[in-house]
């Protein structure tokens, strides 16, 4: 924290580095906004100079003094202290090197998360994430979406699969929500027309990759009275553009720390059908999986292909096979083997799944049965569709994946404050 008052300056922060050159000492003080140089002269203030040996790295100090221009100092000025208070003393040695110049393992960074967040690059990551989250909220509110907060303790698995965490709920078995899907659609049945939610979702999937978490922050939206899932894609395009503009405006220094230069994405994003994708991948020695889905390597290949051909970091992969669709996805009108679903791929990584939903009650129940699911177990959900539901669709996007790709991070855990994986439950 830094304050300028009546010509004086006050800085409260962490003593990142202390250099004692005999008659002159330099303290680098760090706070959330940056770094400041405090210069203590033995000749000018012997009492303060005698405190220098007491100030250990990462101790919290308060400095009151005057600003003096110095082209060689951080920010082009130094602070000459009139008073210096040692607020808390950090134990030594600090178990983590907090300089961006010294690499440490991700596991160690996460073990000492309260310390690794002091690293300039890590702090920059989460300042960017804060801006991204704020930009999303701002965009949806400006486009007449209502924010909702749905329950994360549910009685039935949203996706109908086994990748759910069971919770003992008094004398019943409950689950942690895989997504707010059913509740978003409930709001469409309720007449809210446009809703969004930013909140945690849970996936009990034993993945050990740089792209998966067992808990992540999902950006969900749902909108009514659509004629095509193209309308959902259009909203996602505008959302990503809004995010870019906001981050460029508010996080120029943070982007510089990461060595990233953002250029506004050009709308519309390219579209590639799964059928077209299969042909492209074959040329690069890859192919769709047996179930008709695409693997991570395929996403990377297509991301590189789109970048080279269209100059875009984004593209939509469209027309997914019904065989890998969720039961609530709408089938394509003139080809029932594919669905009105698309994934948004960002720099070779899927960040969003979107689809037009099946809103016709009888068709929805039929599709449940077609997927081998018991309609009775989903009655609370299918009841939404018995009393008039508009055509609608929506999307789910991983917040951490947006940040990972934007900042070119190696692992999605780097964009997660407290990652949860099959191996990690702390801190």
Protein backbone atom coordinates (compact mmCIF):
# COMPACT_ATOMS: atom_id res chain seq x y z
CA UNK A 1 0.00 0.00 0.00
CA UNK A 2 1.32 3.45 -0.90
CA UNK A 3 -0.13 6.82 0.06
CA UNK A 4 0.89 10.35 -0.84
CA UNK A 5 -0.16 12.91 1.77
CA UNK A 6 0.88 16.57 1.97
CA UNK A 7 4.13 16.03 0.15
CA UNK A 8 5.08 12.98 2.22
CA UNK A 9 4.82 9.35 1.16
CA UNK A 10 3.89 6.23 3.11
CA UNK A 11 4.59 2.69 1.98
CA UNK A 12 3.48 -0.47 3.76
CA UNK A 13 4.58 -3.78 2.31
CA UNK A 14 7.06 -6.63 2.28
CA UNK A 15 10.81 -6.08 2.42
CA UNK A 16 11.72 -8.10 -0.64
CA UNK A 17 15.40 -7.31 -0.61
CA UNK A 18 17.74 -5.50 1.80
CA UNK A 19 21.23 -4.38 0.72
CA UNK A 20 23.57 -2.81 3.26
CA UNK A 21 26.58 -1.18 1.60
CA UNK A 22 28.10 0.15 4.79
CA UNK A 23 27.02 3.76 4.91
CA UNK A 24 24.05 3.33 2.61
CA UNK A 25 21.25 0.77 2.59
CA UNK A 26 18.60 -0.01 0.00
CA UNK A 27 15.31 -1.74 0.80
CA UNK A 28 13.04 -2.96 -1.97
CA UNK A 29 9.48 -2.82 -0.64
CA UNK A 30 6.80 -4.77 -2.48
CA UNK A 31 3.00 -4.52 -2.35
CA UNK A 32 0.21 -5.73 -4.62
CA UNK A 33 0.77 -2.82 -7.02
CA UNK A 34 4.53 -3.00 -7.45
CA UNK A 35 7.92 -2.28 -5.91
CA UNK A 36 9.52 0.79 -4.35
CA UNK A 37 13.07 1.67 -3.42
CA UNK A 38 13.73 2.97 0.09
CA UNK A 39 17.17 4.51 0.57
CA UNK A 40 18.57 4.85 4.10
CA UNK A 41 21.72 6.89 4.68
CA UNK A 42 23.73 6.37 7.86
CA UNK A 43 24.95 9.93 7.66
CA UNK A 44 21.44 11.38 7.34
CA UNK A 45 19.62 9.13 9.83
CA UNK A 46 21.86 6.92 11.95
CA UNK A 47 18.95 5.70 14.13
CA UNK A 48 17.04 4.27 11.16
CA UNK A 49 20.23 2.87 9.67
CA UNK A 50 20.82 0.84 12.84
CA UNK A 51 17.47 -0.92 12.21
CA UNK A 52 18.60 -2.34 8.88
CA UNK A 53 20.06 -5.63 10.26
CA UNK A 54 16.71 -6.35 11.94
CA UNK A 55 14.83 -6.26 8.64
CA UNK A 56 14.80 -9.78 7.21
CA UNK A 57 13.56 -10.75 3.76
CA UNK A 58 9.73 -10.82 3.50
CA UNK A 59 9.23 -8.95 6.78
CA UNK A 60 6.42 -6.40 6.71
CA UNK A 61 7.48 -2.79 7.22
CA UNK A 62 5.97 0.67 7.17
CA UNK A 63 8.00 3.55 5.77
CA UNK A 64 7.12 7.24 6.02
CA UNK A 65 9.27 9.72 4.15
CA UNK A 66 9.70 11.94 1.13
CA UNK A 67 9.95 11.16 -2.52
CA UNK A 68 13.16 11.99 -4.35
CA UNK A 69 13.59 11.69 -8.11
CA UNK A 70 16.28 9.20 -9.10
CA UNK A 71 16.43 7.88 -12.65
CA UNK A 72 18.34 4.78 -11.51
CA UNK A 73 15.77 3.79 -8.88
CA UNK A 74 12.64 1.67 -9.33
CA UNK A 75 9.87 3.77 -10.89
CA UNK A 76 12.32 6.65 -11.35
CA UNK A 77 12.29 7.74 -7.73
CA UNK A 78 13.39 6.66 -4.27
CA UNK A 79 11.85 7.14 -0.85
CA UNK A 80 13.96 8.83 1.82
CA UNK A 81 12.51 7.66 5.15
CA UNK A 82 11.76 9.83 8.15
CA UNK A 83 10.46 6.82 10.07
CA UNK A 84 10.58 3.07 9.64
CA UNK A 85 8.52 0.53 11.56
CA UNK A 86 9.12 -3.21 11.53
CA UNK A 87 5.57 -4.58 11.75
CA UNK A 88 6.22 -8.34 11.53
CA UNK A 89 9.48 -10.25 11.18
CA UNK A 90 9.62 -13.12 8.69
CA UNK A 91 11.28 -16.33 9.84
CA UNK A 92 14.42 -17.28 7.97
CA UNK A 93 15.03 -18.91 5.65
CA UNK A 94 11.88 -18.33 3.62
CA UNK A 95 11.04 -21.81 2.21
CA UNK A 96 10.37 -20.53 -1.30
CA UNK A 97 12.43 -18.27 -3.54
CA UNK A 98 10.03 -15.50 -4.53
CA UNK A 99 11.94 -14.19 -7.52
CA UNK A 100 10.64 -14.87 -11.02
CA UNK A 101 14.27 -15.45 -11.99
CA UNK A 102 14.46 -18.65 -9.94
CA UNK A 103 12.25 -21.52 -11.06
CA UNK A 104 10.54 -23.74 -8.51
CA UNK A 105 8.33 -26.75 -9.06
CA UNK A 106 4.59 -26.24 -9.36
CA UNK A 107 4.04 -28.68 -6.50
CA UNK A 108 6.26 -26.65 -4.19
CA UNK A 109 4.56 -23.43 -5.28
CA UNK A 110 1.20 -24.97 -4.41
CA UNK A 111 2.42 -26.39 -1.09
CA UNK A 112 3.41 -22.86 -0.09
CA UNK A 113 0.60 -21.09 -1.92
CA UNK A 114 0.52 -18.18 0.52
CA UNK A 115 4.13 -17.48 -0.45
CA UNK A 116 4.08 -18.29 -4.17
CA UNK A 117 1.27 -15.76 -4.61
CA UNK A 118 3.85 -13.11 -3.69
CA UNK A 119 5.83 -13.93 -6.83
CA UNK A 120 5.34 -11.15 -9.41
CA UNK A 121 4.35 -13.53 -12.20
CA UNK A 122 1.93 -15.53 -10.04
CA UNK A 123 0.37 -12.36 -8.61
CA UNK A 124 -0.02 -11.03 -12.16
CA UNK A 125 -1.87 -14.22 -13.12
CA UNK A 126 -4.53 -13.72 -10.48
CA UNK A 127 -4.90 -10.01 -11.12
CA UNK A 128 -5.65 -10.96 -14.74
CA UNK A 129 -8.09 -13.63 -13.57
CA UNK A 130 -9.89 -11.05 -11.43
CA UNK A 131 -10.24 -8.79 -14.45
CA UNK A 132 -11.47 -11.66 -16.62
CA UNK A 133 -14.12 -12.58 -14.05
CA UNK A 134 -15.20 -8.95 -13.71
CA UNK A 135 -15.33 -8.51 -17.49
CA UNK A 136 -17.58 -11.55 -17.80
CA UNK A 137 -20.01 -10.22 -15.20
CA UNK A 138 -19.98 -6.78 -16.80
CA UNK A 139 -20.61 -8.21 -20.27
CA UNK A 140 -23.55 -10.36 -19.24
CA UNK A 141 -25.19 -7.63 -17.20
CA UNK A 142 -24.84 -5.16 -20.08
CA UNK A 143 -26.51 -7.73 -22.34
CA UNK A 144 -29.53 -8.26 -20.08
CA UNK A 145 -28.50 -11.52 -18.42
CA UNK A 146 -29.57 -12.12 -14.82
CA UNK A 147 -26.96 -13.57 -12.48
CA UNK A 148 -28.02 -16.69 -10.58
CA UNK A 149 -26.50 -18.77 -7.78
CA UNK A 150 -27.62 -22.37 -8.01
CA UNK A 151 -27.16 -25.17 -5.48
CA UNK A 152 -24.01 -27.25 -5.64
CA UNK A 153 -25.52 -30.11 -3.61
CA UNK A 154 -27.83 -32.07 -5.87
CA UNK A 155 -29.88 -35.26 -5.77
CA UNK A 156 -29.14 -36.47 -9.30
CA UNK A 157 -25.97 -36.34 -11.39
CA UNK A 158 -26.37 -33.62 -14.01
CA UNK A 159 -24.69 -35.50 -16.82
CA UNK A 160 -26.05 -38.90 -15.87
CA UNK A 161 -22.56 -40.40 -15.55
CA UNK A 162 -20.36 -41.82 -12.81
CA UNK A 163 -17.90 -38.93 -12.60
CA UNK A 164 -19.55 -37.37 -9.55
CA UNK A 165 -18.53 -36.89 -5.94
CA UNK A 166 -20.97 -38.47 -3.52
CA UNK A 167 -21.85 -36.60 -0.35
CA UNK A 168 -23.48 -38.03 2.76
CA UNK A 169 -26.48 -35.73 3.16
CA UNK A 170 -27.99 -36.69 6.51
CA UNK A 171 -29.68 -40.03 5.76
CA UNK A 172 -29.48 -39.60 1.97
CA UNK A 173 -26.84 -39.73 -0.73
CA UNK A 174 -26.28 -36.47 -2.57
CA UNK A 175 -23.79 -35.32 -5.19
CA UNK A 176 -21.62 -32.29 -5.85
CA UNK A 177 -22.87 -30.55 -8.98
CA UNK A 178 -21.02 -31.26 -12.22
CA UNK A 179 -22.61 -28.13 -13.68
CA UNK A 180 -25.61 -25.85 -13.09
CA UNK A 181 -27.12 -27.21 -16.31
CA UNK A 182 -30.52 -28.26 -15.00
CA UNK A 183 -30.98 -25.09 -12.97
CA UNK A 184 -30.06 -22.85 -15.91
CA UNK A 185 -32.76 -24.57 -17.92
CA UNK A 186 -35.17 -24.28 -15.00
CA UNK A 187 -34.70 -20.51 -15.26
CA UNK A 188 -35.64 -20.67 -18.94
CA UNK A 189 -38.84 -22.49 -17.98
CA UNK A 190 -39.40 -19.83 -15.31
CA UNK A 191 -39.31 -17.07 -17.92
CA UNK A 192 -36.03 -15.35 -17.02
CA UNK A 193 -34.91 -15.64 -20.68
CA UNK A 194 -31.20 -14.89 -20.08
CA UNK A 195 -29.13 -16.02 -17.09
CA UNK A 196 -25.49 -16.53 -16.19
CA UNK A 197 -23.55 -17.97 -13.28
CA UNK A 198 -19.90 -18.00 -12.24
CA UNK A 199 -19.31 -20.72 -9.69
CA UNK A 200 -17.57 -23.97 -8.77
CA UNK A 201 -18.32 -27.31 -10.41
CA UNK A 202 -16.95 -30.72 -9.52
CA UNK A 203 -15.77 -33.64 -11.66
CA UNK A 204 -14.68 -36.94 -10.06
CA UNK A 205 -12.44 -37.77 -12.99
CA UNK A 206 -9.03 -39.34 -12.24
CA UNK A 207 -7.24 -37.29 -14.88
CA UNK A 208 -3.55 -36.49 -14.46
CA UNK A 209 -3.09 -33.84 -17.13
CA UNK A 210 -2.20 -30.17 -17.46
CA UNK A 211 -5.78 -29.34 -18.47
CA UNK A 212 -7.97 -31.05 -15.86
CA UNK A 213 -9.07 -30.25 -12.32
CA UNK A 214 -11.57 -31.99 -10.06
CA UNK A 215 -12.97 -28.59 -9.09
CA UNK A 216 -12.97 -25.56 -11.34
CA UNK A 217 -14.80 -22.29 -11.86
CA UNK A 218 -17.43 -22.58 -14.56
CA UNK A 219 -18.83 -19.62 -16.46
CA UNK A 220 -22.32 -20.73 -17.46
CA UNK A 221 -25.00 -18.97 -19.45
CA UNK A 222 -28.38 -19.89 -20.90
CA UNK A 223 -30.62 -17.90 -23.25
CA UNK A 224 -34.17 -18.32 -24.54
CA UNK A 225 -35.95 -17.76 -27.84
CA UNK A 226 -33.05 -18.76 -30.05
CA UNK A 227 -33.44 -20.10 -33.56
CA UNK A 228 -29.98 -21.62 -33.85
CA UNK A 229 -26.92 -22.39 -31.79
CA UNK A 230 -25.18 -19.83 -33.99
CA UNK A 231 -26.71 -17.25 -31.65
CA UNK A 232 -24.87 -18.81 -28.71
CA UNK A 233 -21.63 -18.79 -30.67
CA UNK A 234 -22.17 -15.11 -31.43
CA UNK A 235 -22.53 -14.32 -27.73
CA UNK A 236 -19.33 -16.22 -26.96
CA UNK A 237 -17.46 -14.29 -29.64
CA UNK A 238 -18.60 -10.98 -28.18
CA UNK A 239 -17.75 -12.18 -24.67
CA UNK A 240 -14.17 -13.10 -25.57
CA UNK A 241 -13.71 -9.76 -27.32
CA UNK A 242 -15.00 -7.95 -24.22
CA UNK A 243 -12.60 -9.93 -22.01
CA UNK A 244 -9.64 -9.05 -24.22
CA UNK A 245 -10.49 -5.35 -24.21
CA UNK A 246 -10.87 -5.27 -20.43
CA UNK A 247 -7.62 -7.12 -19.74
CA UNK A 248 -5.71 -4.91 -22.18
CA UNK A 249 -7.12 -1.83 -20.47
CA UNK A 250 -6.51 -2.88 -16.86
CA UNK A 251 -3.60 -5.32 -16.90
CA UNK A 252 -0.95 -3.94 -19.23
CA UNK A 253 1.83 -4.45 -16.65
CA UNK A 254 0.64 -7.95 -15.80
CA UNK A 255 0.65 -8.94 -19.46
CA UNK A 256 4.16 -7.53 -19.75
CA UNK A 257 5.30 -9.65 -16.79
CA UNK A 258 4.06 -12.71 -18.69
CA UNK A 259 5.52 -11.54 -21.99
CA UNK A 260 2.07 -11.54 -23.58
CA UNK A 261 0.74 -9.06 -26.12
CA UNK A 262 -2.99 -9.31 -26.74
CA UNK A 263 -4.59 -8.41 -30.04
CA UNK A 264 -8.37 -8.21 -30.21
CA UNK A 265 -9.79 -11.38 -31.77
CA UNK A 266 -11.44 -10.91 -35.15
CA UNK A 267 -15.13 -11.81 -35.26
CA UNK A 268 -16.61 -14.12 -36.49
CA UNK A 269 -14.38 -16.97 -35.37
CA UNK A 270 -13.77 -19.73 -37.94
CA UNK A 271 -16.14 -22.73 -37.85
CA UNK A 272 -15.04 -26.29 -38.54
CA UNK A 273 -17.45 -29.21 -38.49
CA UNK A 274 -16.37 -32.48 -36.90
CA UNK A 275 -16.53 -34.07 -40.35
CA UNK A 276 -14.17 -31.42 -41.72
CA UNK A 277 -11.95 -31.80 -38.65
CA UNK A 278 -11.61 -35.53 -39.29
CA UNK A 279 -10.29 -34.83 -42.79
CA UNK A 280 -7.82 -32.22 -41.56
CA UNK A 281 -6.54 -34.43 -38.75
CA UNK A 282 -6.00 -37.35 -41.10
CA UNK A 283 -3.57 -35.22 -43.10
CA UNK A 284 -1.57 -34.64 -39.92
CA UNK A 285 -1.52 -38.29 -38.84
CA UNK A 286 -4.27 -37.92 -36.27
CA UNK A 287 -7.86 -39.10 -36.23
CA UNK A 288 -11.02 -38.87 -34.17
CA UNK A 289 -11.42 -41.29 -31.29
CA UNK A 290 -13.53 -44.43 -31.73
CA UNK A 291 -16.54 -42.71 -30.16
CA UNK A 292 -16.26 -39.84 -32.66
CA UNK A 293 -14.80 -37.31 -30.22
CA UNK A 294 -11.54 -35.42 -30.57
CA UNK A 295 -8.50 -35.95 -28.35
CA UNK A 296 -6.25 -33.21 -26.88
CA UNK A 297 -3.62 -33.70 -29.56
CA UNK A 298 -6.31 -33.25 -32.20
CA UNK A 299 -7.35 -29.96 -30.58
CA UNK A 300 -3.75 -28.76 -30.67
CA UNK A 301 -3.35 -29.75 -34.33
CA UNK A 302 -6.55 -27.96 -35.30
CA UNK A 303 -5.57 -24.92 -33.23
CA UNK A 304 -2.29 -24.66 -35.13
CA UNK A 305 -4.07 -25.26 -38.44
CA UNK A 306 -6.60 -22.48 -37.78
CA UNK A 307 -3.88 -20.09 -36.64
CA UNK A 308 -1.88 -20.66 -39.81
CA UNK A 309 -4.86 -20.56 -42.19
CA UNK A 310 -7.05 -17.91 -40.59
CA UNK A 311 -4.72 -16.08 -38.20
CA UNK A 312 -7.13 -16.75 -35.33
CA UNK A 313 -6.47 -18.10 -31.84
CA UNK A 314 -10.14 -19.09 -31.65
CA UNK A 315 -12.39 -21.40 -33.62
CA UNK A 316 -15.62 -23.32 -33.14
CA UNK A 317 -15.71 -27.07 -33.63
CA UNK A 318 -19.31 -27.84 -34.61
CA UNK A 319 -21.79 -30.66 -35.32
CA UNK A 320 -20.73 -33.23 -32.72
CA UNK A 321 -22.06 -36.75 -33.11
CA UNK A 322 -25.21 -37.67 -31.17
CA UNK A 323 -23.33 -40.72 -29.88
CA UNK A 324 -21.16 -38.47 -27.65
CA UNK A 325 -23.80 -35.83 -26.91
CA UNK A 326 -25.68 -35.26 -23.66
CA UNK A 327 -29.30 -36.38 -23.69
CA UNK A 328 -30.53 -32.77 -23.55
CA UNK A 329 -28.65 -31.68 -26.69
CA UNK A 330 -30.85 -31.00 -29.70
CA UNK A 331 -30.27 -33.12 -32.78
CA UNK A 332 -29.72 -31.43 -36.10
CA UNK A 333 -33.01 -31.15 -37.98
CA UNK A 334 -31.83 -32.68 -41.26
CA UNK A 335 -29.29 -35.13 -39.81
CA UNK A 336 -30.22 -36.87 -36.57
CA UNK A 337 -26.76 -38.40 -36.25
CA UNK A 338 -25.27 -35.04 -35.24
CA UNK A 339 -26.24 -32.36 -32.73
CA UNK A 340 -26.44 -28.59 -32.51
CA UNK A 341 -23.36 -28.52 -30.30
CA UNK A 342 -20.08 -26.68 -30.63
CA UNK A 343 -16.85 -26.38 -28.67
CA UNK A 344 -14.86 -23.16 -28.56
CA UNK A 345 -11.17 -23.92 -28.97
CA UNK A 346 -8.65 -21.32 -27.78
CA UNK A 347 -5.03 -21.79 -28.81
CA UNK A 348 -5.59 -25.51 -29.23
CA UNK A 349 -7.53 -26.11 -26.01
CA UNK A 350 -11.28 -26.52 -25.58
CA UNK A 351 -12.51 -23.85 -23.18
CA UNK A 352 -16.26 -23.92 -23.87
CA UNK A 353 -18.96 -26.42 -24.70
CA UNK A 354 -22.22 -24.95 -26.00
CA UNK A 355 -25.39 -26.37 -27.46
CA UNK A 356 -28.99 -25.78 -28.35
CA UNK A 357 -31.13 -27.74 -25.88
CA UNK A 358 -34.01 -30.04 -26.66
CA UNK A 359 -37.05 -28.15 -25.34
CA UNK A 360 -39.84 -30.49 -26.54
CA UNK A 361 -40.95 -32.69 -23.65
CA UNK A 362 -41.72 -35.86 -25.58
CA UNK A 363 -38.50 -35.66 -27.59
CA UNK A 364 -36.47 -35.03 -24.43
CA UNK A 365 -37.91 -38.08 -22.67
CA UNK A 366 -37.27 -40.15 -25.77
CA UNK A 367 -33.64 -39.01 -25.85
CA UNK A 368 -33.21 -39.90 -22.19
CA UNK A 369 -34.35 -43.42 -22.97
CA UNK A 370 -32.15 -43.53 -26.06
CA UNK A 371 -29.15 -42.82 -23.83
CA UNK A 372 -30.13 -45.68 -21.53
CA UNK A 373 -31.24 -43.39 -18.70
CA UNK A 374 -34.34 -43.78 -16.55
CA UNK A 375 -36.73 -40.84 -17.10
CA UNK A 376 -38.18 -41.39 -13.63
CA UNK A 377 -34.84 -40.49 -12.07
CA UNK A 378 -34.87 -37.22 -14.01
CA UNK A 379 -38.53 -36.40 -13.39
CA UNK A 380 -37.74 -33.23 -11.41
CA UNK A 381 -35.88 -32.03 -14.52
CA UNK A 382 -38.27 -33.18 -17.23
CA UNK A 383 -41.18 -31.59 -15.35
CA UNK A 384 -39.69 -28.22 -16.35
CA UNK A 385 -40.72 -29.00 -19.92
CA UNK A 386 -44.34 -29.94 -19.30
CA UNK A 387 -45.74 -26.44 -18.94
CA UNK A 388 -44.28 -24.41 -21.79
CA UNK A 389 -40.57 -23.92 -22.41
CA UNK A 390 -39.07 -21.67 -25.10
CA UNK A 391 -36.36 -22.79 -27.51
CA UNK A 392 -33.09 -22.18 -25.68
CA UNK A 393 -29.43 -23.00 -25.42
CA UNK A 394 -26.32 -22.12 -23.51
CA UNK A 395 -22.71 -22.73 -22.72
CA UNK A 396 -20.23 -23.68 -20.02
CA UNK A 397 -16.71 -22.24 -20.00
CA UNK A 398 -13.73 -22.92 -17.76
CA UNK A 399 -12.50 -19.66 -16.23
CA UNK A 400 -9.10 -21.12 -15.42
CA UNK A 401 -8.67 -22.36 -18.98
CA UNK A 402 -9.31 -18.88 -20.37
CA UNK A 403 -6.54 -17.48 -18.16
CA UNK A 404 -4.20 -20.40 -18.87
CA UNK A 405 -4.43 -19.89 -22.61
CA UNK A 406 -4.39 -16.11 -22.47
CA UNK A 407 -1.13 -16.08 -20.49
CA UNK A 408 0.39 -19.14 -22.19
CA UNK A 409 0.68 -21.07 -18.92
CA UNK A 410 1.77 -24.70 -19.00
CA UNK A 411 -0.75 -26.06 -16.50
CA UNK A 412 -4.30 -25.04 -15.64
CA UNK A 413 -3.33 -25.38 -11.96
CA UNK A 414 -1.18 -22.26 -12.42
CA UNK A 415 -4.38 -20.31 -13.08
CA UNK A 416 -6.14 -21.85 -10.08
CA UNK A 417 -5.86 -20.33 -6.63
CA UNK A 418 -6.18 -23.64 -4.76
CA UNK A 419 -6.15 -26.50 -7.29
CA UNK A 420 -7.94 -29.74 -6.57
CA UNK A 421 -6.67 -32.80 -8.43
CA UNK A 422 -6.77 -36.54 -7.67
CA UNK A 423 -3.54 -36.05 -5.68
CA UNK A 424 -4.09 -32.62 -4.13
CA UNK A 425 -6.60 -31.74 -1.43
CA UNK A 426 -4.52 -29.09 0.38
CA UNK A 427 -3.91 -26.30 1.14
